[in-house]
């Protein structure tokens, strides 16, 4: 899983394509150019449609998250972008909204801003089977972002018991004790469930993970 889009990869991907000048300006944190492009009419919600490895990186807002450009991210929010556009997906991820991407990458401040700006909490690509959905707590748990897991549990009671169970299972399998601790503090699990997660984590480890 990529955790940051480097300037070099950004430039290589967009290859001086003027149609994506806003994406590049955002990725480099060039705030002056970003404002100029937006005032000139560049589409703040334009999606990356380039069919190049490793995938499609989404809108300028997605790019700000990928490149961890907080100032550019803040500035984009002022212009009122669509908070719920799905990107093109980067293996092994399904397509993600900005909120879900920020959770994946551990951008806690961006997660807070998107959440409180009204971003959808459970938007997935339509073709993905319901059982394959990975809720925000599950994603944060898998990546070891304990503080974000706690934020999500604090902000909403919408997470189902199944989603909470999956979150603690993947946190156990990936050996994220801080996440397991948070989930045990905030959620209720049966003894049988906890025993099964411990067994699952042990089996996962004996297969060479982590």
N, C-alpha and C. Protein backbone atom coordinates (compact mmCIF):
# COMPACT_ATOMS: atom_id res chain seq x y z
N UNK A 1 0.84 -1.19 0.00
CA UNK A 1 0.00 0.00 0.00
C UNK A 1 0.88 1.24 0.00
N UNK A 2 0.67 2.14 -0.96
CA UNK A 2 1.37 3.41 -0.99
C UNK A 2 0.89 4.26 0.19
N UNK A 3 1.81 4.99 0.84
CA UNK A 3 1.41 5.87 1.92
C UNK A 3 1.69 7.33 1.61
N UNK A 4 2.32 7.59 0.49
CA UNK A 4 2.48 8.97 0.04
C UNK A 4 2.84 8.95 -1.43
N UNK A 5 2.30 9.91 -2.15
CA UNK A 5 2.61 10.06 -3.57
C UNK A 5 3.73 11.08 -3.67
N UNK A 6 4.90 10.65 -4.09
CA UNK A 6 6.06 11.53 -4.16
C UNK A 6 5.93 12.50 -5.33
N UNK A 7 6.58 13.68 -5.25
CA UNK A 7 6.56 14.62 -6.37
C UNK A 7 7.06 14.00 -7.67
N UNK A 8 8.07 13.14 -7.56
CA UNK A 8 8.62 12.51 -8.77
C UNK A 8 7.59 11.60 -9.44
N UNK A 9 6.89 10.79 -8.63
CA UNK A 9 5.87 9.91 -9.19
C UNK A 9 4.68 10.71 -9.71
N UNK A 10 4.36 11.78 -9.01
CA UNK A 10 3.27 12.66 -9.44
C UNK A 10 3.56 13.22 -10.83
N UNK A 11 4.78 13.76 -11.01
CA UNK A 11 5.16 14.34 -12.30
C UNK A 11 5.21 13.28 -13.39
N UNK A 12 5.73 12.11 -13.04
CA UNK A 12 5.81 11.03 -14.02
C UNK A 12 4.42 10.59 -14.46
N UNK A 13 3.51 10.52 -13.51
CA UNK A 13 2.16 10.06 -13.81
C UNK A 13 1.42 11.03 -14.74
N UNK A 14 1.47 12.32 -14.42
CA UNK A 14 0.71 13.29 -15.19
C UNK A 14 1.48 13.82 -16.40
N UNK A 15 2.80 13.68 -16.41
CA UNK A 15 3.63 13.90 -17.59
C UNK A 15 3.31 15.22 -18.32
N UNK A 16 3.26 16.31 -17.54
CA UNK A 16 3.03 17.66 -18.11
C UNK A 16 1.72 17.79 -18.89
N UNK A 17 0.76 16.96 -18.57
CA UNK A 17 -0.55 17.05 -19.21
C UNK A 17 -1.29 18.25 -18.63
N UNK A 18 -1.52 19.27 -19.45
CA UNK A 18 -2.10 20.51 -18.96
C UNK A 18 -3.51 20.32 -18.40
N UNK A 19 -4.18 19.26 -18.82
CA UNK A 19 -5.52 19.00 -18.31
C UNK A 19 -5.51 18.70 -16.82
N UNK A 20 -4.34 18.31 -16.31
CA UNK A 20 -4.22 17.96 -14.89
C UNK A 20 -3.26 18.90 -14.16
N UNK A 21 -3.16 20.14 -14.66
CA UNK A 21 -2.27 21.12 -14.04
C UNK A 21 -2.65 21.39 -12.59
N UNK A 22 -3.94 21.37 -12.29
CA UNK A 22 -4.38 21.61 -10.92
C UNK A 22 -3.94 20.48 -10.01
N UNK A 23 -4.05 19.25 -10.48
CA UNK A 23 -3.58 18.11 -9.69
C UNK A 23 -2.11 18.28 -9.33
N UNK A 24 -1.31 18.66 -10.31
CA UNK A 24 0.14 18.79 -10.10
C UNK A 24 0.44 19.94 -9.14
N UNK A 25 -0.23 21.07 -9.32
CA UNK A 25 -0.01 22.21 -8.43
C UNK A 25 -0.34 21.85 -6.99
N UNK A 26 -1.45 21.15 -6.81
CA UNK A 26 -1.85 20.72 -5.46
C UNK A 26 -0.82 19.76 -4.89
N UNK A 27 -0.39 18.80 -5.69
CA UNK A 27 0.56 17.80 -5.21
C UNK A 27 1.89 18.39 -4.80
N UNK A 28 2.28 19.47 -5.45
CA UNK A 28 3.54 20.14 -5.11
C UNK A 28 3.35 21.22 -4.03
N UNK A 29 2.11 21.43 -3.62
CA UNK A 29 1.85 22.45 -2.62
C UNK A 29 2.04 23.86 -3.14
N UNK A 30 1.87 24.05 -4.44
CA UNK A 30 2.01 25.37 -5.06
C UNK A 30 0.67 26.09 -4.95
N UNK A 31 0.48 26.77 -3.82
CA UNK A 31 -0.82 27.36 -3.51
C UNK A 31 -1.16 28.50 -4.46
N UNK A 32 -0.16 29.32 -4.79
CA UNK A 32 -0.40 30.44 -5.70
C UNK A 32 -0.91 29.95 -7.05
N UNK A 33 -0.23 28.96 -7.61
CA UNK A 33 -0.65 28.42 -8.91
C UNK A 33 -2.01 27.74 -8.80
N UNK A 34 -2.25 27.08 -7.69
CA UNK A 34 -3.53 26.41 -7.49
C UNK A 34 -4.68 27.42 -7.55
N UNK A 35 -4.52 28.54 -6.86
CA UNK A 35 -5.56 29.57 -6.87
C UNK A 35 -5.73 30.16 -8.27
N UNK A 36 -4.62 30.37 -8.96
CA UNK A 36 -4.69 30.92 -10.32
C UNK A 36 -5.45 29.99 -11.25
N UNK A 37 -5.19 28.71 -11.14
CA UNK A 37 -5.86 27.73 -11.99
C UNK A 37 -7.35 27.65 -11.68
N UNK A 38 -7.69 27.71 -10.41
CA UNK A 38 -9.10 27.66 -10.04
C UNK A 38 -9.84 28.92 -10.50
N UNK A 39 -9.19 30.06 -10.38
CA UNK A 39 -9.82 31.30 -10.86
C UNK A 39 -9.96 31.30 -12.38
N UNK A 40 -9.07 30.57 -13.04
CA UNK A 40 -9.12 30.49 -14.51
C UNK A 40 -10.14 29.47 -14.99
N UNK A 41 -10.76 28.76 -14.06
CA UNK A 41 -11.83 27.85 -14.44
C UNK A 41 -11.49 26.38 -14.44
N UNK A 42 -10.31 26.00 -13.92
CA UNK A 42 -10.00 24.57 -13.84
C UNK A 42 -11.00 23.88 -12.92
N UNK A 43 -11.41 22.69 -13.30
CA UNK A 43 -12.43 21.94 -12.58
C UNK A 43 -11.86 21.35 -11.30
N UNK A 44 -12.38 21.80 -10.17
CA UNK A 44 -11.89 21.33 -8.88
C UNK A 44 -12.21 19.85 -8.65
N UNK A 45 -13.19 19.34 -9.39
CA UNK A 45 -13.60 17.94 -9.22
C UNK A 45 -13.15 17.05 -10.36
N UNK A 46 -12.23 17.52 -11.18
CA UNK A 46 -11.75 16.72 -12.31
C UNK A 46 -11.05 15.47 -11.80
N UNK A 47 -11.41 14.33 -12.37
CA UNK A 47 -10.84 13.06 -11.94
C UNK A 47 -9.68 12.64 -12.83
N UNK A 48 -8.71 12.02 -12.21
CA UNK A 48 -7.59 11.44 -12.95
C UNK A 48 -8.12 10.26 -13.76
N UNK A 49 -8.04 10.38 -15.08
CA UNK A 49 -8.54 9.32 -15.96
C UNK A 49 -7.42 8.63 -16.71
N UNK A 50 -6.18 8.93 -16.35
CA UNK A 50 -5.04 8.37 -17.06
C UNK A 50 -4.87 6.90 -16.70
N UNK A 51 -4.77 6.06 -17.70
CA UNK A 51 -4.63 4.62 -17.46
C UNK A 51 -3.15 4.26 -17.41
N UNK A 52 -2.55 4.57 -16.27
CA UNK A 52 -1.13 4.31 -16.08
C UNK A 52 -0.93 3.65 -14.72
N UNK A 53 0.14 2.87 -14.63
CA UNK A 53 0.49 2.26 -13.34
C UNK A 53 0.95 3.36 -12.39
N UNK A 54 0.59 3.28 -11.09
CA UNK A 54 -0.08 2.16 -10.41
C UNK A 54 -1.60 2.27 -10.40
N UNK A 55 -2.17 3.33 -10.98
CA UNK A 55 -3.62 3.46 -10.98
C UNK A 55 -4.04 4.90 -11.18
N UNK A 56 -5.28 5.20 -10.80
CA UNK A 56 -5.82 6.54 -10.97
C UNK A 56 -6.00 7.19 -9.61
N UNK A 57 -5.50 8.43 -9.49
CA UNK A 57 -5.37 9.06 -8.18
C UNK A 57 -6.51 9.98 -7.79
N UNK A 58 -7.56 10.09 -8.61
CA UNK A 58 -8.73 10.84 -8.20
C UNK A 58 -8.69 12.32 -8.51
N UNK A 59 -9.36 13.09 -7.68
CA UNK A 59 -9.52 14.53 -7.86
C UNK A 59 -8.35 15.28 -7.21
N UNK A 60 -8.28 16.61 -7.42
CA UNK A 60 -7.26 17.38 -6.71
C UNK A 60 -7.32 17.19 -5.19
N UNK A 61 -8.53 17.02 -4.64
CA UNK A 61 -8.64 16.79 -3.20
C UNK A 61 -7.99 15.47 -2.81
N UNK A 62 -8.20 14.44 -3.61
CA UNK A 62 -7.50 13.17 -3.37
C UNK A 62 -5.97 13.39 -3.41
N UNK A 63 -5.52 14.17 -4.38
CA UNK A 63 -4.08 14.40 -4.53
C UNK A 63 -3.51 15.09 -3.30
N UNK A 64 -4.23 16.07 -2.76
CA UNK A 64 -3.77 16.75 -1.55
C UNK A 64 -3.58 15.76 -0.41
N UNK A 65 -4.47 14.78 -0.34
CA UNK A 65 -4.37 13.75 0.70
C UNK A 65 -3.19 12.82 0.40
N UNK A 66 -3.11 12.35 -0.84
CA UNK A 66 -2.00 11.48 -1.23
C UNK A 66 -0.64 12.12 -0.91
N UNK A 67 -0.50 13.40 -1.25
CA UNK A 67 0.79 14.08 -1.12
C UNK A 67 0.96 14.76 0.23
N UNK A 68 -0.03 14.59 1.11
CA UNK A 68 0.01 15.16 2.46
C UNK A 68 0.27 16.67 2.42
N UNK A 69 -0.46 17.34 1.56
CA UNK A 69 -0.34 18.79 1.40
C UNK A 69 -1.49 19.45 2.16
N UNK A 70 -1.26 19.70 3.45
CA UNK A 70 -2.32 20.21 4.31
C UNK A 70 -2.81 21.59 3.88
N UNK A 71 -1.90 22.50 3.53
CA UNK A 71 -2.32 23.85 3.15
C UNK A 71 -3.16 23.82 1.87
N UNK A 72 -2.73 23.02 0.91
CA UNK A 72 -3.50 22.89 -0.33
C UNK A 72 -4.87 22.27 -0.04
N UNK A 73 -4.89 21.29 0.84
CA UNK A 73 -6.13 20.64 1.24
C UNK A 73 -7.08 21.67 1.86
N UNK A 74 -6.57 22.47 2.79
CA UNK A 74 -7.40 23.50 3.43
C UNK A 74 -7.97 24.47 2.41
N UNK A 75 -7.13 24.87 1.46
CA UNK A 75 -7.55 25.84 0.45
C UNK A 75 -8.62 25.25 -0.47
N UNK A 76 -8.46 23.99 -0.84
CA UNK A 76 -9.46 23.34 -1.69
C UNK A 76 -10.82 23.28 -1.02
N UNK A 77 -10.83 23.01 0.27
CA UNK A 77 -12.10 22.91 0.99
C UNK A 77 -12.88 24.21 0.93
N UNK A 78 -12.17 25.33 0.90
CA UNK A 78 -12.82 26.64 0.84
C UNK A 78 -13.62 26.79 -0.46
N UNK A 79 -13.15 26.17 -1.53
CA UNK A 79 -13.81 26.27 -2.83
C UNK A 79 -15.02 25.33 -2.96
N UNK A 80 -15.25 24.50 -1.97
CA UNK A 80 -16.42 23.63 -1.99
C UNK A 80 -16.37 22.47 -2.95
N UNK A 81 -15.34 21.65 -2.88
CA UNK A 81 -15.26 20.49 -3.79
C UNK A 81 -16.28 19.42 -3.41
N UNK A 82 -16.51 18.50 -4.34
CA UNK A 82 -17.32 17.32 -4.05
C UNK A 82 -16.51 16.42 -3.12
N UNK A 83 -17.03 16.19 -1.93
CA UNK A 83 -16.30 15.41 -0.93
C UNK A 83 -16.45 13.90 -1.11
N UNK A 84 -17.30 13.49 -2.04
CA UNK A 84 -17.66 12.07 -2.11
C UNK A 84 -17.34 11.41 -3.44
N UNK A 85 -16.45 12.00 -4.23
CA UNK A 85 -16.04 11.41 -5.50
C UNK A 85 -15.15 10.19 -5.22
N UNK A 86 -15.38 9.10 -5.93
CA UNK A 86 -14.53 7.91 -5.81
C UNK A 86 -13.34 8.04 -6.75
N UNK A 87 -12.15 7.71 -6.26
CA UNK A 87 -10.98 7.70 -7.13
C UNK A 87 -10.97 6.41 -7.95
N UNK A 88 -9.91 6.20 -8.72
CA UNK A 88 -9.87 5.04 -9.60
C UNK A 88 -9.36 3.77 -8.96
N UNK A 89 -8.89 3.88 -7.71
CA UNK A 89 -8.39 2.70 -7.02
C UNK A 89 -6.93 2.43 -7.32
N UNK A 90 -6.18 2.10 -6.29
CA UNK A 90 -4.78 1.72 -6.39
C UNK A 90 -4.65 0.37 -5.71
N UNK A 91 -4.22 -0.66 -6.41
CA UNK A 91 -4.12 -2.00 -5.84
C UNK A 91 -3.33 -1.97 -4.53
N UNK A 92 -3.81 -2.56 -3.42
CA UNK A 92 -4.96 -3.47 -3.34
C UNK A 92 -6.26 -2.79 -2.90
N UNK A 93 -6.36 -1.48 -2.99
CA UNK A 93 -7.56 -0.78 -2.54
C UNK A 93 -8.67 -0.84 -3.59
N UNK A 94 -9.91 -0.81 -3.11
CA UNK A 94 -11.02 -0.48 -3.98
C UNK A 94 -11.01 1.03 -4.18
N UNK A 95 -11.92 1.54 -5.02
CA UNK A 95 -12.05 2.97 -5.19
C UNK A 95 -12.41 3.63 -3.85
N UNK A 96 -11.82 4.79 -3.60
CA UNK A 96 -12.04 5.45 -2.32
C UNK A 96 -12.51 6.89 -2.48
N UNK A 97 -13.34 7.32 -1.55
CA UNK A 97 -13.65 8.74 -1.41
C UNK A 97 -12.46 9.41 -0.72
N UNK A 98 -12.40 10.75 -0.73
CA UNK A 98 -11.33 11.43 0.01
C UNK A 98 -11.29 11.02 1.48
N UNK A 99 -12.46 10.89 2.11
CA UNK A 99 -12.48 10.53 3.53
C UNK A 99 -11.85 9.16 3.76
N UNK A 100 -12.26 8.20 2.98
CA UNK A 100 -11.73 6.84 3.18
C UNK A 100 -10.24 6.78 2.87
N UNK A 101 -9.81 7.53 1.85
CA UNK A 101 -8.39 7.58 1.52
C UNK A 101 -7.60 8.20 2.67
N UNK A 102 -8.13 9.26 3.26
CA UNK A 102 -7.44 9.90 4.38
C UNK A 102 -7.31 8.95 5.56
N UNK A 103 -8.34 8.13 5.78
CA UNK A 103 -8.27 7.12 6.84
C UNK A 103 -7.19 6.11 6.51
N UNK A 104 -7.17 5.61 5.27
CA UNK A 104 -6.15 4.64 4.85
C UNK A 104 -4.75 5.17 5.15
N UNK A 105 -4.52 6.42 4.78
CA UNK A 105 -3.17 6.98 4.84
C UNK A 105 -2.82 7.57 6.20
N UNK A 106 -3.77 7.56 7.12
CA UNK A 106 -3.48 8.05 8.46
C UNK A 106 -3.40 9.55 8.58
N UNK A 107 -4.11 10.27 7.72
CA UNK A 107 -4.11 11.73 7.75
C UNK A 107 -5.19 12.19 8.74
N UNK A 108 -4.87 12.17 10.00
CA UNK A 108 -5.90 12.37 11.03
C UNK A 108 -6.59 13.72 10.93
N UNK A 109 -5.83 14.79 10.73
CA UNK A 109 -6.44 16.12 10.66
C UNK A 109 -7.36 16.22 9.45
N UNK A 110 -6.95 15.65 8.34
CA UNK A 110 -7.80 15.67 7.14
C UNK A 110 -9.06 14.85 7.35
N UNK A 111 -8.93 13.73 8.04
CA UNK A 111 -10.11 12.91 8.37
C UNK A 111 -11.10 13.75 9.18
N UNK A 112 -10.60 14.46 10.18
CA UNK A 112 -11.47 15.29 11.02
C UNK A 112 -12.19 16.35 10.18
N UNK A 113 -11.44 17.01 9.31
CA UNK A 113 -12.02 18.08 8.51
C UNK A 113 -13.09 17.55 7.56
N UNK A 114 -12.81 16.45 6.90
CA UNK A 114 -13.78 15.87 5.97
C UNK A 114 -15.02 15.37 6.70
N UNK A 115 -14.82 14.74 7.83
CA UNK A 115 -15.94 14.23 8.62
C UNK A 115 -16.88 15.38 9.00
N UNK A 116 -16.30 16.43 9.56
CA UNK A 116 -17.12 17.53 10.05
C UNK A 116 -17.63 18.43 8.93
N UNK A 117 -17.08 18.27 7.72
CA UNK A 117 -17.59 18.99 6.55
C UNK A 117 -18.76 18.26 5.91
N UNK A 118 -19.06 17.07 6.40
CA UNK A 118 -20.23 16.35 5.92
C UNK A 118 -19.97 15.27 4.89
N UNK A 119 -18.73 14.81 4.77
CA UNK A 119 -18.43 13.73 3.82
C UNK A 119 -19.20 12.46 4.20
N UNK A 120 -19.63 11.71 3.18
CA UNK A 120 -20.33 10.45 3.44
C UNK A 120 -19.40 9.46 4.14
N UNK A 121 -19.96 8.73 5.09
CA UNK A 121 -19.16 7.79 5.88
C UNK A 121 -19.09 6.40 5.25
N UNK A 122 -20.09 6.08 4.43
CA UNK A 122 -20.17 4.72 3.89
C UNK A 122 -20.52 4.74 2.41
N UNK A 123 -19.63 5.31 1.61
CA UNK A 123 -19.82 5.29 0.16
C UNK A 123 -18.81 4.35 -0.46
N UNK A 124 -19.29 3.40 -1.26
CA UNK A 124 -18.43 2.40 -1.88
C UNK A 124 -18.78 2.30 -3.37
N UNK A 125 -17.86 1.76 -4.13
CA UNK A 125 -18.15 1.50 -5.54
C UNK A 125 -19.33 0.54 -5.63
N UNK A 126 -20.23 0.78 -6.58
CA UNK A 126 -21.48 0.02 -6.64
C UNK A 126 -21.29 -1.46 -6.93
N UNK A 127 -20.18 -1.81 -7.58
CA UNK A 127 -19.99 -3.22 -7.96
C UNK A 127 -19.42 -4.07 -6.83
N UNK A 128 -19.00 -3.44 -5.74
CA UNK A 128 -18.36 -4.19 -4.66
C UNK A 128 -19.43 -4.88 -3.81
N UNK A 129 -19.33 -6.20 -3.61
CA UNK A 129 -20.30 -6.89 -2.77
C UNK A 129 -20.32 -6.31 -1.36
N UNK A 130 -21.50 -6.28 -0.77
CA UNK A 130 -21.64 -5.69 0.57
C UNK A 130 -20.68 -6.33 1.56
N UNK A 131 -20.50 -7.64 1.47
CA UNK A 131 -19.63 -8.33 2.42
C UNK A 131 -18.17 -7.96 2.24
N UNK A 132 -17.82 -7.34 1.10
CA UNK A 132 -16.44 -6.93 0.87
C UNK A 132 -16.19 -5.50 1.29
N UNK A 133 -17.24 -4.79 1.68
CA UNK A 133 -17.06 -3.41 2.13
C UNK A 133 -16.14 -3.39 3.34
N UNK A 134 -15.25 -2.43 3.38
CA UNK A 134 -14.40 -2.24 4.55
C UNK A 134 -14.76 -0.89 5.15
N UNK A 135 -15.42 -0.89 6.29
CA UNK A 135 -15.84 0.36 6.91
C UNK A 135 -14.62 1.16 7.34
N UNK A 136 -14.84 2.42 7.66
CA UNK A 136 -13.73 3.29 8.06
C UNK A 136 -12.99 2.75 9.29
N UNK A 137 -13.68 2.27 10.34
CA UNK A 137 -12.93 1.70 11.46
C UNK A 137 -12.10 0.48 11.06
N UNK A 138 -12.63 -0.34 10.14
CA UNK A 138 -11.88 -1.51 9.68
C UNK A 138 -10.61 -1.08 8.96
N UNK A 139 -10.72 -0.07 8.10
CA UNK A 139 -9.56 0.42 7.35
C UNK A 139 -8.52 0.99 8.31
N UNK A 140 -8.95 1.82 9.24
CA UNK A 140 -8.02 2.41 10.19
C UNK A 140 -7.36 1.34 11.06
N UNK A 141 -8.14 0.33 11.45
CA UNK A 141 -7.60 -0.74 12.28
C UNK A 141 -6.55 -1.55 11.53
N UNK A 142 -6.83 -1.85 10.28
CA UNK A 142 -5.90 -2.64 9.47
C UNK A 142 -4.57 -1.93 9.29
N UNK A 143 -4.62 -0.59 9.17
CA UNK A 143 -3.40 0.19 8.95
C UNK A 143 -2.72 0.61 10.25
N UNK A 144 -3.33 0.30 11.39
CA UNK A 144 -2.70 0.61 12.67
C UNK A 144 -2.88 2.03 13.15
N UNK A 145 -3.91 2.72 12.66
CA UNK A 145 -4.14 4.11 13.04
C UNK A 145 -5.07 4.17 14.26
N UNK A 146 -4.51 3.94 15.43
CA UNK A 146 -5.32 3.83 16.64
C UNK A 146 -6.08 5.11 16.96
N UNK A 147 -5.44 6.26 16.79
CA UNK A 147 -6.10 7.53 17.11
C UNK A 147 -7.30 7.76 16.20
N UNK A 148 -7.18 7.38 14.94
CA UNK A 148 -8.30 7.55 14.02
C UNK A 148 -9.42 6.58 14.36
N UNK A 149 -9.08 5.35 14.73
CA UNK A 149 -10.10 4.40 15.17
C UNK A 149 -10.89 5.00 16.33
N UNK A 150 -10.19 5.57 17.28
CA UNK A 150 -10.86 6.15 18.45
C UNK A 150 -11.74 7.33 18.05
N UNK A 151 -11.23 8.17 17.15
CA UNK A 151 -12.04 9.30 16.66
C UNK A 151 -13.34 8.81 16.05
N UNK A 152 -13.26 7.82 15.19
CA UNK A 152 -14.44 7.31 14.49
C UNK A 152 -15.47 6.73 15.46
N UNK A 153 -14.99 6.04 16.47
CA UNK A 153 -15.89 5.47 17.47
C UNK A 153 -16.51 6.56 18.34
N UNK A 154 -15.76 7.64 18.56
CA UNK A 154 -16.26 8.76 19.36
C UNK A 154 -17.31 9.56 18.60
N UNK A 155 -17.08 9.75 17.32
CA UNK A 155 -17.96 10.61 16.52
C UNK A 155 -19.28 9.98 16.16
N UNK A 156 -19.35 8.65 16.10
CA UNK A 156 -20.56 8.01 15.60
C UNK A 156 -20.80 6.64 16.24
N UNK A 157 -22.08 6.33 16.42
CA UNK A 157 -22.50 5.01 16.91
C UNK A 157 -23.01 4.15 15.76
N UNK A 158 -22.77 4.59 14.52
CA UNK A 158 -23.35 3.91 13.36
C UNK A 158 -22.66 2.59 13.02
N UNK A 159 -21.47 2.37 13.56
CA UNK A 159 -20.71 1.18 13.17
C UNK A 159 -21.37 -0.07 13.75
N UNK A 160 -21.61 -1.04 12.91
CA UNK A 160 -22.29 -2.25 13.34
C UNK A 160 -21.35 -3.14 14.15
N UNK A 161 -21.95 -4.11 14.83
CA UNK A 161 -21.12 -5.04 15.59
C UNK A 161 -20.24 -5.84 14.66
N UNK A 162 -20.74 -6.17 13.48
CA UNK A 162 -19.92 -6.89 12.50
C UNK A 162 -18.70 -6.05 12.12
N UNK A 163 -18.89 -4.77 11.88
CA UNK A 163 -17.77 -3.89 11.52
C UNK A 163 -16.77 -3.78 12.66
N UNK A 164 -17.26 -3.71 13.87
CA UNK A 164 -16.37 -3.65 15.04
C UNK A 164 -15.60 -4.97 15.18
N UNK A 165 -16.30 -6.08 14.95
CA UNK A 165 -15.65 -7.39 15.04
C UNK A 165 -14.54 -7.52 14.01
N UNK A 166 -14.83 -7.10 12.78
CA UNK A 166 -13.81 -7.18 11.73
C UNK A 166 -12.63 -6.28 12.08
N UNK A 167 -12.91 -5.11 12.62
CA UNK A 167 -11.83 -4.18 12.98
C UNK A 167 -10.87 -4.80 13.99
N UNK A 168 -11.40 -5.43 15.04
CA UNK A 168 -10.51 -6.00 16.05
C UNK A 168 -9.82 -7.25 15.50
N UNK A 169 -10.49 -7.97 14.61
CA UNK A 169 -9.85 -9.15 14.01
C UNK A 169 -8.65 -8.75 13.16
N UNK A 170 -8.83 -7.75 12.29
CA UNK A 170 -7.71 -7.36 11.42
C UNK A 170 -6.61 -6.68 12.23
N UNK A 171 -6.98 -5.95 13.26
CA UNK A 171 -5.96 -5.33 14.12
C UNK A 171 -5.13 -6.40 14.82
N UNK A 172 -5.79 -7.48 15.22
CA UNK A 172 -5.08 -8.60 15.86
C UNK A 172 -4.17 -9.30 14.87
N UNK A 173 -4.68 -9.54 13.66
CA UNK A 173 -3.89 -10.22 12.64
C UNK A 173 -2.67 -9.42 12.24
N UNK A 174 -2.82 -8.10 12.18
CA UNK A 174 -1.71 -7.24 11.77
C UNK A 174 -0.84 -6.81 12.95
N UNK A 175 -1.15 -7.31 14.13
CA UNK A 175 -0.37 -7.02 15.34
C UNK A 175 -0.29 -5.52 15.61
N UNK A 176 -1.47 -4.92 15.76
CA UNK A 176 -1.57 -3.50 16.13
C UNK A 176 -2.17 -3.42 17.53
N UNK A 177 -1.36 -3.64 18.58
CA UNK A 177 -1.90 -3.68 19.94
C UNK A 177 -2.57 -2.39 20.38
N UNK A 178 -2.10 -1.23 19.91
CA UNK A 178 -2.73 0.03 20.29
C UNK A 178 -4.17 0.10 19.77
N UNK A 179 -4.38 -0.43 18.58
CA UNK A 179 -5.73 -0.45 18.01
C UNK A 179 -6.62 -1.41 18.79
N UNK A 180 -6.09 -2.58 19.09
CA UNK A 180 -6.86 -3.56 19.88
C UNK A 180 -7.26 -2.95 21.22
N UNK A 181 -6.35 -2.23 21.85
CA UNK A 181 -6.64 -1.60 23.14
C UNK A 181 -7.78 -0.60 23.02
N UNK A 182 -7.76 0.21 21.98
CA UNK A 182 -8.83 1.19 21.76
C UNK A 182 -10.17 0.50 21.57
N UNK A 183 -10.18 -0.54 20.75
CA UNK A 183 -11.43 -1.24 20.47
C UNK A 183 -11.98 -1.92 21.72
N UNK A 184 -11.11 -2.46 22.55
CA UNK A 184 -11.56 -3.08 23.79
C UNK A 184 -12.12 -2.05 24.76
N UNK A 185 -11.61 -0.83 24.70
CA UNK A 185 -12.10 0.24 25.57
C UNK A 185 -13.47 0.75 25.13
N UNK A 186 -13.71 0.73 23.82
CA UNK A 186 -14.91 1.34 23.28
C UNK A 186 -16.01 0.35 22.91
N UNK A 187 -15.66 -0.90 22.73
CA UNK A 187 -16.63 -1.88 22.21
C UNK A 187 -16.72 -3.10 23.11
N UNK A 188 -17.82 -3.81 22.98
CA UNK A 188 -18.02 -5.05 23.74
C UNK A 188 -17.86 -6.25 22.82
N UNK A 189 -17.11 -7.23 23.30
CA UNK A 189 -16.91 -8.47 22.55
C UNK A 189 -17.08 -9.63 23.51
N UNK A 190 -17.58 -10.74 23.01
CA UNK A 190 -17.72 -11.92 23.85
C UNK A 190 -16.36 -12.59 24.03
N UNK A 191 -16.26 -13.41 25.05
CA UNK A 191 -15.02 -14.15 25.28
C UNK A 191 -14.71 -15.04 24.08
N UNK A 192 -15.75 -15.66 23.53
CA UNK A 192 -15.56 -16.54 22.38
C UNK A 192 -15.01 -15.76 21.18
N UNK A 193 -15.52 -14.56 20.98
CA UNK A 193 -15.03 -13.73 19.87
C UNK A 193 -13.56 -13.39 20.06
N UNK A 194 -13.20 -12.98 21.26
CA UNK A 194 -11.82 -12.60 21.53
C UNK A 194 -10.89 -13.80 21.36
N UNK A 195 -11.34 -14.96 21.81
CA UNK A 195 -10.52 -16.17 21.64
C UNK A 195 -10.32 -16.48 20.15
N UNK A 196 -11.37 -16.31 19.36
CA UNK A 196 -11.25 -16.60 17.93
C UNK A 196 -10.30 -15.62 17.25
N UNK A 197 -10.30 -14.35 17.69
CA UNK A 197 -9.39 -13.37 17.09
C UNK A 197 -7.95 -13.69 17.45
N UNK A 198 -7.73 -14.17 18.67
CA UNK A 198 -6.38 -14.53 19.08
C UNK A 198 -5.87 -15.72 18.26
N UNK A 199 -6.74 -16.70 18.07
CA UNK A 199 -6.36 -17.86 17.25
C UNK A 199 -6.08 -17.43 15.82
N UNK A 200 -6.94 -16.57 15.29
CA UNK A 200 -6.76 -16.09 13.92
C UNK A 200 -5.45 -15.33 13.77
N UNK A 201 -5.12 -14.49 14.75
CA UNK A 201 -3.88 -13.73 14.70
C UNK A 201 -2.67 -14.64 14.75
N UNK A 202 -2.75 -15.68 15.58
CA UNK A 202 -1.65 -16.63 15.70
C UNK A 202 -1.44 -17.38 14.40
N UNK A 203 -2.52 -17.83 13.78
CA UNK A 203 -2.41 -18.53 12.50
C UNK A 203 -1.86 -17.60 11.42
N UNK A 204 -2.31 -16.36 11.44
CA UNK A 204 -1.84 -15.37 10.47
C UNK A 204 -0.34 -15.18 10.60
N UNK A 205 0.13 -15.14 11.85
CA UNK A 205 1.56 -14.93 12.10
C UNK A 205 2.38 -16.12 11.65
N UNK A 206 1.88 -17.33 11.87
CA UNK A 206 2.64 -18.53 11.50
C UNK A 206 2.74 -18.70 9.99
N UNK A 207 1.90 -17.98 9.24
CA UNK A 207 1.99 -18.02 7.78
C UNK A 207 2.94 -16.96 7.24
N UNK A 208 3.65 -16.31 8.14
CA UNK A 208 4.64 -15.34 7.69
C UNK A 208 4.19 -13.90 7.77
N UNK A 209 3.09 -13.62 8.45
CA UNK A 209 2.60 -12.26 8.60
C UNK A 209 2.61 -11.91 10.08
N UNK A 210 2.99 -10.70 10.50
CA UNK A 210 3.49 -9.68 9.58
C UNK A 210 4.90 -10.00 9.15
